[in-house]
Protein backbone atom coordinates (compact mmCIF):
# COMPACT_ATOMS: atom_id res chain seq x y z
CA MET A 1 35.17 16.10 -18.26
CA ILE A 2 31.62 16.81 -17.09
CA TYR A 3 29.79 13.91 -15.45
CA GLU A 4 26.45 13.20 -17.12
CA PRO A 5 24.11 10.97 -15.11
CA PRO A 6 22.56 8.07 -17.02
CA CYS A 7 19.11 8.70 -18.45
CA ASN A 8 18.03 5.09 -17.91
CA ALA A 9 18.76 2.10 -15.69
CA GLU A 10 20.07 -0.26 -18.34
CA ASN A 11 23.53 -0.30 -16.76
CA LEU A 12 21.89 -1.92 -13.69
CA ILE A 13 20.70 -4.99 -15.57
CA LYS A 14 23.22 -7.33 -14.00
CA TYR A 15 21.55 -6.70 -10.62
CA CYS A 16 18.01 -7.35 -11.85
CA SER A 17 18.26 -9.39 -15.05
CA GLN A 18 15.66 -11.90 -13.85
CA TYR A 19 13.04 -9.13 -13.74
CA ALA A 20 14.10 -6.93 -16.69
CA LEU A 21 11.37 -6.69 -19.34
CA PRO A 22 12.36 -6.11 -22.98
CA LYS A 23 12.11 -2.46 -23.96
CA ALA A 24 10.52 -3.37 -27.29
CA ASP A 25 7.62 -5.14 -25.52
CA ILE A 26 6.55 -2.09 -23.48
CA LEU A 27 4.42 0.15 -25.69
CA ASN A 28 2.26 3.27 -25.47
CA VAL A 29 3.53 4.54 -22.13
CA GLU A 30 1.35 7.40 -20.90
CA THR A 31 1.71 9.18 -17.57
CA GLN A 32 -1.47 8.97 -15.52
CA ASN A 33 -0.46 10.84 -12.40
CA SER A 34 2.63 11.90 -10.52
CA GLY A 35 3.36 12.74 -6.92
CA ASN A 36 6.31 13.52 -4.74
CA ALA A 37 7.30 9.83 -4.57
CA LEU A 38 6.15 8.08 -7.76
CA ILE A 39 5.18 8.67 -11.36
CA VAL A 40 2.44 6.24 -12.36
CA SER A 41 1.95 5.44 -16.05
CA GLY A 42 -0.23 3.16 -18.09
CA ALA A 43 1.21 1.06 -20.91
CA GLU A 44 0.87 -2.16 -22.87
CA TYR A 45 3.07 -5.22 -22.39
CA ARG A 46 2.68 -8.11 -24.80
CA GLY A 47 -0.97 -7.36 -25.40
CA GLN A 48 -2.04 -6.67 -21.82
CA LEU A 49 -2.53 -3.38 -20.03
CA VAL A 50 0.01 -2.68 -17.29
CA VAL A 51 0.82 -0.06 -14.67
CA ILE A 52 4.37 1.30 -14.43
CA LYS A 53 5.63 2.97 -11.27
CA GLN A 54 8.75 5.12 -11.51
CA TRP A 55 10.49 6.56 -8.49
CA VAL A 56 10.82 10.35 -8.44
CA GLY A 57 14.13 11.96 -7.56
CA GLY A 58 16.53 9.43 -9.02
CA VAL A 59 18.23 11.79 -11.49
CA GLY A 60 21.80 12.63 -10.57
CA ILE A 61 22.17 10.23 -7.64
CA PRO A 62 25.48 8.33 -7.33
CA HIS A 63 25.81 5.00 -9.07
CA LEU A 64 26.47 3.12 -5.83
CA SER A 65 23.19 4.47 -4.41
CA ARG A 66 21.37 3.27 -7.53
CA VAL A 67 22.92 -0.18 -7.12
CA SER A 68 21.96 -0.33 -3.44
CA PHE A 69 18.38 0.68 -4.24
CA THR A 70 18.15 -1.92 -7.01
CA LYS A 71 19.43 -4.71 -4.78
CA ARG A 72 16.91 -3.87 -2.08
CA LEU A 73 14.12 -3.66 -4.65
CA ILE A 74 15.00 -7.06 -6.11
CA ARG A 75 15.08 -8.68 -2.66
CA ASP A 76 11.52 -7.47 -2.12
CA LEU A 77 10.43 -8.53 -5.59
CA ASP A 78 11.83 -12.01 -4.94
CA ARG A 79 9.74 -12.21 -1.81
CA TRP A 80 6.65 -10.78 -3.54
CA ARG A 81 6.89 -13.10 -6.55
CA ALA A 82 7.04 -16.16 -4.26
CA LEU A 83 3.67 -15.29 -2.72
CA GLU A 84 0.63 -17.20 -3.98
CA HIS A 85 -2.76 -16.07 -2.77
CA PRO A 86 -5.98 -14.95 -4.51
CA ASN A 87 -5.75 -11.55 -2.79
CA ILE A 88 -2.12 -10.82 -3.73
CA ALA A 89 -1.52 -9.04 -7.06
CA PRO A 90 1.12 -10.57 -9.34
CA ILE A 91 4.22 -8.76 -10.53
CA LEU A 92 5.55 -8.77 -14.08
CA GLY A 93 9.01 -7.25 -13.67
CA VAL A 94 10.88 -3.97 -14.09
CA ALA A 95 11.47 -1.58 -16.97
CA LEU A 96 14.99 -0.20 -17.27
CA HIS A 97 14.61 2.29 -20.11
CA LEU A 98 12.25 4.86 -18.56
CA SER A 99 14.42 6.40 -15.83
CA ASN A 100 17.75 5.81 -14.14
CA LEU A 101 16.17 3.52 -11.54
CA PRO A 102 14.25 0.32 -12.33
CA ALA A 103 10.52 1.00 -12.74
CA LEU A 104 8.02 -1.49 -11.35
CA VAL A 105 5.61 -3.12 -13.85
CA VAL A 106 2.40 -4.84 -12.70
CA PRO A 107 -0.80 -5.90 -14.50
CA PHE A 108 -3.39 -3.16 -14.77
CA HIS A 109 -6.43 -3.18 -12.51
CA ARG A 110 -8.54 -0.34 -11.24
CA THR A 111 -7.59 0.71 -7.73
CA ALA A 112 -9.99 0.55 -4.81
CA ARG A 113 -9.86 4.34 -4.73
CA ASP A 114 -10.97 4.55 -8.36
CA VAL A 115 -13.68 1.92 -7.91
CA MET A 116 -15.22 3.69 -4.92
CA ALA A 117 -15.14 7.04 -6.71
CA GLU A 118 -16.76 5.64 -9.85
CA SER A 119 -19.18 3.18 -8.20
CA PRO A 120 -20.07 4.37 -4.68
CA ASN A 121 -22.45 1.43 -4.17
CA THR A 122 -19.61 -1.08 -4.46
CA ASP A 123 -19.72 -3.56 -1.58
CA VAL A 124 -17.06 -2.15 0.79
CA LEU A 125 -17.27 -4.98 3.30
CA ASN A 126 -16.61 -7.56 0.59
CA LEU A 127 -13.48 -5.71 -0.57
CA LEU A 128 -12.26 -5.29 3.01
CA GLN A 129 -12.65 -9.02 3.59
CA GLY A 130 -10.36 -9.60 0.63
CA VAL A 131 -7.82 -7.08 1.92
CA ALA A 132 -7.86 -8.73 5.35
CA ALA A 133 -7.45 -12.20 3.81
CA GLY A 134 -4.40 -10.98 1.89
CA LEU A 135 -2.96 -9.39 5.02
CA SER A 136 -3.55 -12.58 7.00
CA TYR A 137 -1.56 -14.51 4.40
CA LEU A 138 1.30 -11.98 4.57
CA HIS A 139 1.37 -11.95 8.36
CA ARG A 140 1.46 -15.79 8.48
CA GLN A 141 4.72 -15.94 6.54
CA ASN A 142 7.91 -16.86 8.38
CA PRO A 143 9.07 -14.25 9.15
CA PRO A 144 5.84 -12.23 8.91
CA ILE A 145 5.61 -9.81 6.00
CA ALA A 146 4.19 -6.35 6.68
CA HIS A 147 2.65 -4.66 3.67
CA GLY A 148 3.67 -1.22 4.90
CA ASP A 149 1.53 0.99 2.65
CA LEU A 150 -2.14 0.01 2.79
CA LYS A 151 -4.30 2.66 1.11
CA GLY A 152 -6.85 2.87 -1.66
CA SER A 153 -4.28 3.35 -4.40
CA ALA A 154 -2.29 0.26 -3.32
CA VAL A 155 -5.28 -2.08 -3.47
CA PHE A 156 -6.37 -3.27 -6.91
CA VAL A 157 -9.82 -4.61 -7.74
CA SER A 158 -10.05 -7.40 -10.29
CA PRO A 159 -12.83 -7.52 -12.91
CA ALA A 160 -14.52 -10.12 -10.68
CA GLY A 161 -14.52 -7.68 -7.75
CA CYS A 162 -11.67 -9.31 -5.83
CA ALA A 163 -9.34 -7.12 -3.76
CA LEU A 164 -5.65 -7.54 -4.67
CA LEU A 165 -2.81 -6.22 -2.51
CA SER A 166 -0.01 -4.63 -4.54
CA ASP A 167 3.38 -3.03 -3.74
CA ILE A 168 4.19 -5.72 -1.15
CA GLY A 169 6.97 -4.32 1.06
CA ILE A 170 8.10 -1.83 -1.60
CA PRO A 171 7.34 1.38 0.36
CA ALA A 172 9.71 0.28 3.13
CA ILE A 173 12.73 0.68 0.84
CA PRO A 174 14.63 3.96 1.35
CA GLN A 175 13.79 6.13 -1.65
CA PRO A 176 15.57 8.90 -3.56
CA PRO A 177 16.51 11.69 -3.51
CA ASP A 178 17.04 11.87 0.29
CA TRP A 179 16.66 8.12 0.90
CA GLY A 180 13.74 8.68 3.22
CA PHE A 181 10.40 6.90 3.17
CA HIS A 182 6.94 7.36 1.74
CA GLY A 183 5.34 10.31 0.07
CA VAL A 184 4.46 13.00 2.59
CA ASP A 185 0.73 12.45 2.05
CA ASP A 186 1.04 8.81 3.12
CA ALA A 187 1.02 10.01 6.72
CA ARG A 188 -2.76 9.86 6.46
CA TRP A 189 -2.61 6.05 6.55
CA LEU A 190 0.55 5.41 8.60
CA ALA A 191 0.51 4.18 12.19
CA PRO A 192 1.73 6.67 14.80
CA GLU A 193 4.69 4.52 15.84
CA ILE A 194 6.01 4.60 12.28
CA MET A 195 6.22 8.39 12.38
CA GLN A 196 7.21 8.61 16.05
CA PRO A 197 9.31 5.52 16.90
CA ALA A 198 9.44 6.47 20.58
CA LEU A 199 5.92 5.04 20.73
CA ARG A 200 7.48 1.63 20.03
CA PRO A 201 11.22 1.79 20.77
CA SER A 202 11.54 -1.90 21.58
CA ALA A 203 10.75 -2.90 18.00
CA ALA A 204 14.00 -1.46 16.66
CA GLY A 205 16.01 -1.83 19.83
CA GLU A 206 16.49 1.93 19.78
CA ASP A 207 14.68 5.14 18.98
CA SER A 208 14.85 4.64 15.24
CA LEU A 209 12.64 4.64 12.16
CA ARG A 210 14.82 1.99 10.51
CA THR A 211 15.68 -1.66 10.94
CA PRO A 212 19.39 -2.60 11.00
CA ASP A 213 19.37 -3.04 7.19
CA GLY A 214 17.99 0.46 6.66
CA ARG A 215 14.37 -0.43 5.96
CA LEU A 216 11.32 1.36 7.30
CA LEU A 217 10.13 -0.24 10.53
CA VAL A 218 6.70 -1.45 9.46
CA THR A 219 5.02 -4.28 11.36
CA PRO A 220 1.85 -6.39 11.26
CA GLU A 221 0.48 -4.07 13.96
CA SER A 222 1.12 -0.99 11.83
CA ASP A 223 -0.69 -2.75 8.97
CA ILE A 224 -3.76 -3.12 11.20
CA HIS A 225 -3.78 0.64 11.81
CA SER A 226 -3.44 1.31 8.09
CA PHE A 227 -6.28 -1.15 7.43
CA ALA A 228 -8.52 1.02 9.60
CA MET A 229 -7.56 4.13 7.65
CA LEU A 230 -8.15 2.26 4.39
CA ALA A 231 -11.59 1.20 5.62
CA TYR A 232 -12.37 4.81 6.51
CA GLU A 233 -11.21 5.91 3.06
CA MET A 234 -13.39 3.33 1.31
CA TYR A 235 -16.51 3.95 3.35
CA THR A 236 -16.26 7.74 2.99
CA ARG A 237 -14.68 7.81 -0.51
CA ALA A 238 -12.25 10.41 0.83
CA ARG A 239 -8.71 10.44 2.22
CA PRO A 240 -8.38 10.31 6.01
CA PHE A 241 -8.21 13.87 7.38
CA ALA A 242 -9.35 15.13 3.99
CA SER A 243 -10.12 18.59 5.38
CA ILE A 244 -6.47 19.05 6.42
CA VAL A 245 -4.34 20.30 3.53
CA TRP A 246 -0.83 19.97 4.99
CA ALA A 247 0.52 16.47 5.59
CA ALA A 248 2.70 17.78 8.45
CA ALA A 249 -0.45 18.75 10.32
CA VAL A 250 -1.77 15.22 9.79
CA VAL A 251 1.43 13.78 11.30
CA VAL A 252 0.97 15.90 14.42
CA ARG A 253 -2.63 14.79 14.80
CA VAL A 254 -1.88 11.08 14.37
CA VAL A 255 1.12 10.91 16.71
CA THR A 256 -0.84 12.77 19.40
CA GLY A 257 -3.71 10.30 19.23
CA LYS A 258 -6.21 12.14 17.03
CA ARG A 259 -8.29 10.13 14.58
CA PRO A 260 -10.97 10.97 12.00
CA ARG A 261 -14.49 11.54 13.29
CA ARG A 262 -17.27 9.15 12.42
CA PRO A 263 -18.80 10.24 9.10
CA SER A 264 -22.50 10.95 8.77
CA PRO A 265 -24.85 8.27 7.36
CA ASP A 266 -25.24 10.39 4.23
CA GLN A 267 -21.48 10.36 3.70
CA SER A 268 -21.03 6.65 4.36
CA PRO A 269 -24.35 4.79 4.20
CA GLN A 270 -22.67 1.36 4.26
CA LEU A 271 -20.82 1.99 7.54
CA SER A 272 -22.51 0.15 10.42
CA SER A 273 -22.02 0.90 14.10
CA GLU A 274 -20.31 -2.46 14.54
CA MET A 275 -17.87 -1.74 11.73
CA TRP A 276 -17.13 1.70 13.14
CA GLU A 277 -16.27 0.16 16.50
CA LEU A 278 -13.91 -2.31 14.80
CA ILE A 279 -12.22 0.53 12.88
CA GLN A 280 -11.63 2.37 16.15
CA ARG A 281 -10.07 -0.71 17.71
CA CYS A 282 -7.80 -1.17 14.69
CA TRP A 283 -6.39 2.37 14.82
CA ALA A 284 -5.79 2.28 18.59
CA HIS A 285 -2.87 4.54 19.51
CA ASP A 286 -1.12 1.75 21.45
CA TYR A 287 -0.15 -0.92 18.90
CA ARG A 288 -0.61 -3.61 21.58
CA GLU A 289 -4.34 -2.82 21.78
CA ARG A 290 -5.03 -3.44 18.10
CA PRO A 291 -6.66 -6.74 17.16
CA HIS A 292 -4.61 -9.54 15.62
CA ILE A 293 -5.25 -10.09 11.93
CA ASP A 294 -7.03 -13.39 12.66
CA MET A 295 -9.46 -11.57 14.95
CA LEU A 296 -10.00 -8.91 12.29
CA VAL A 297 -10.78 -11.55 9.65
CA ALA A 298 -13.19 -13.27 12.04
CA TRP A 299 -15.10 -10.09 12.86
CA LEU A 300 -15.43 -9.14 9.21
CA GLY A 301 -16.89 -12.59 8.59
CA VAL A 302 -19.37 -12.08 11.44
CA PHE A 303 -20.44 -8.74 9.96
CA ALA A 304 -20.93 -10.34 6.54
CA ASN A 305 -23.06 -13.12 8.07
CA MET A 306 -25.11 -10.61 10.04
CA ARG A 307 -25.80 -8.66 6.89
CA ALA A 308 -26.79 -11.81 5.02
CA VAL A 309 -29.32 -12.68 7.72
CA GLU A 310 -30.75 -9.15 7.66
CA ARG A 311 -31.39 -9.51 3.91
CA ILE A 312 -33.40 -12.73 4.25
CA PRO A 313 -37.11 -11.95 3.66
CA LEU A 314 -39.26 -12.47 6.76
CA SER A 315 -41.31 -15.03 4.85
CA PHE A 316 -38.26 -17.36 4.86
CA LEU A 317 -37.64 -17.10 8.62
């Protein structure tokens, strides 16, 4: 008898029944883009537009591995769903009929990457304040929650212009087919100690990329580094190290202390000298030298107030 792997995840429903969305309610699924880690699709769910994220590489993996992945995913979804903050995106559930692993379903919003590409005059500082507020809320949890994958495609922008953090903790789950972490291109945003754990061996108790339960060793400090790369991406409307094609070359640069150069005023007219200095502090090679999230929030508020004063007509001073 030839083993035929399941074409969907419906036999996993007992592990995720509280999140399983009815197949009949998910309509007009259309793939928008695919990478080495995820396939992202648009769809409709009960009259609203949604985004569906399917993990690549799940076909043919053993059933026990699928169960383990699902249990880890649901633990993170439980934690995500319990969060209540204006800068945290909600989650709807999972679809089980699209692939042999549960697919994440969230309400549709344009991503920060899309917004900056389509509307370059969008207020970057305002969006970054929202991102920092969401991070502050995550880092204040007990125990602190690290986002783990801050980048333009993981930040939604609501119709009102509010930044919403999505994929809370999800990228830290070991992913198929090799049960590693992240898409290779995510190195552009990752902190050096995530890719080279010897830079922070005390965090894991050993020279390891993983926590004892097998998760990626992301921390509030690594989030601060990724925030800096996100800020660079938004101000320049380009990926960090955009001129470097191979992600492996990016890894080498980051773990050896290299960072992007300051863009020209023509490339990033909204980027002030003060903001550039803060970005540099946030992507410091030594995680202990990066500012705490509360300090980051405070400085962003100072920059916003400074800008407001600069816009006041002289006749009112």
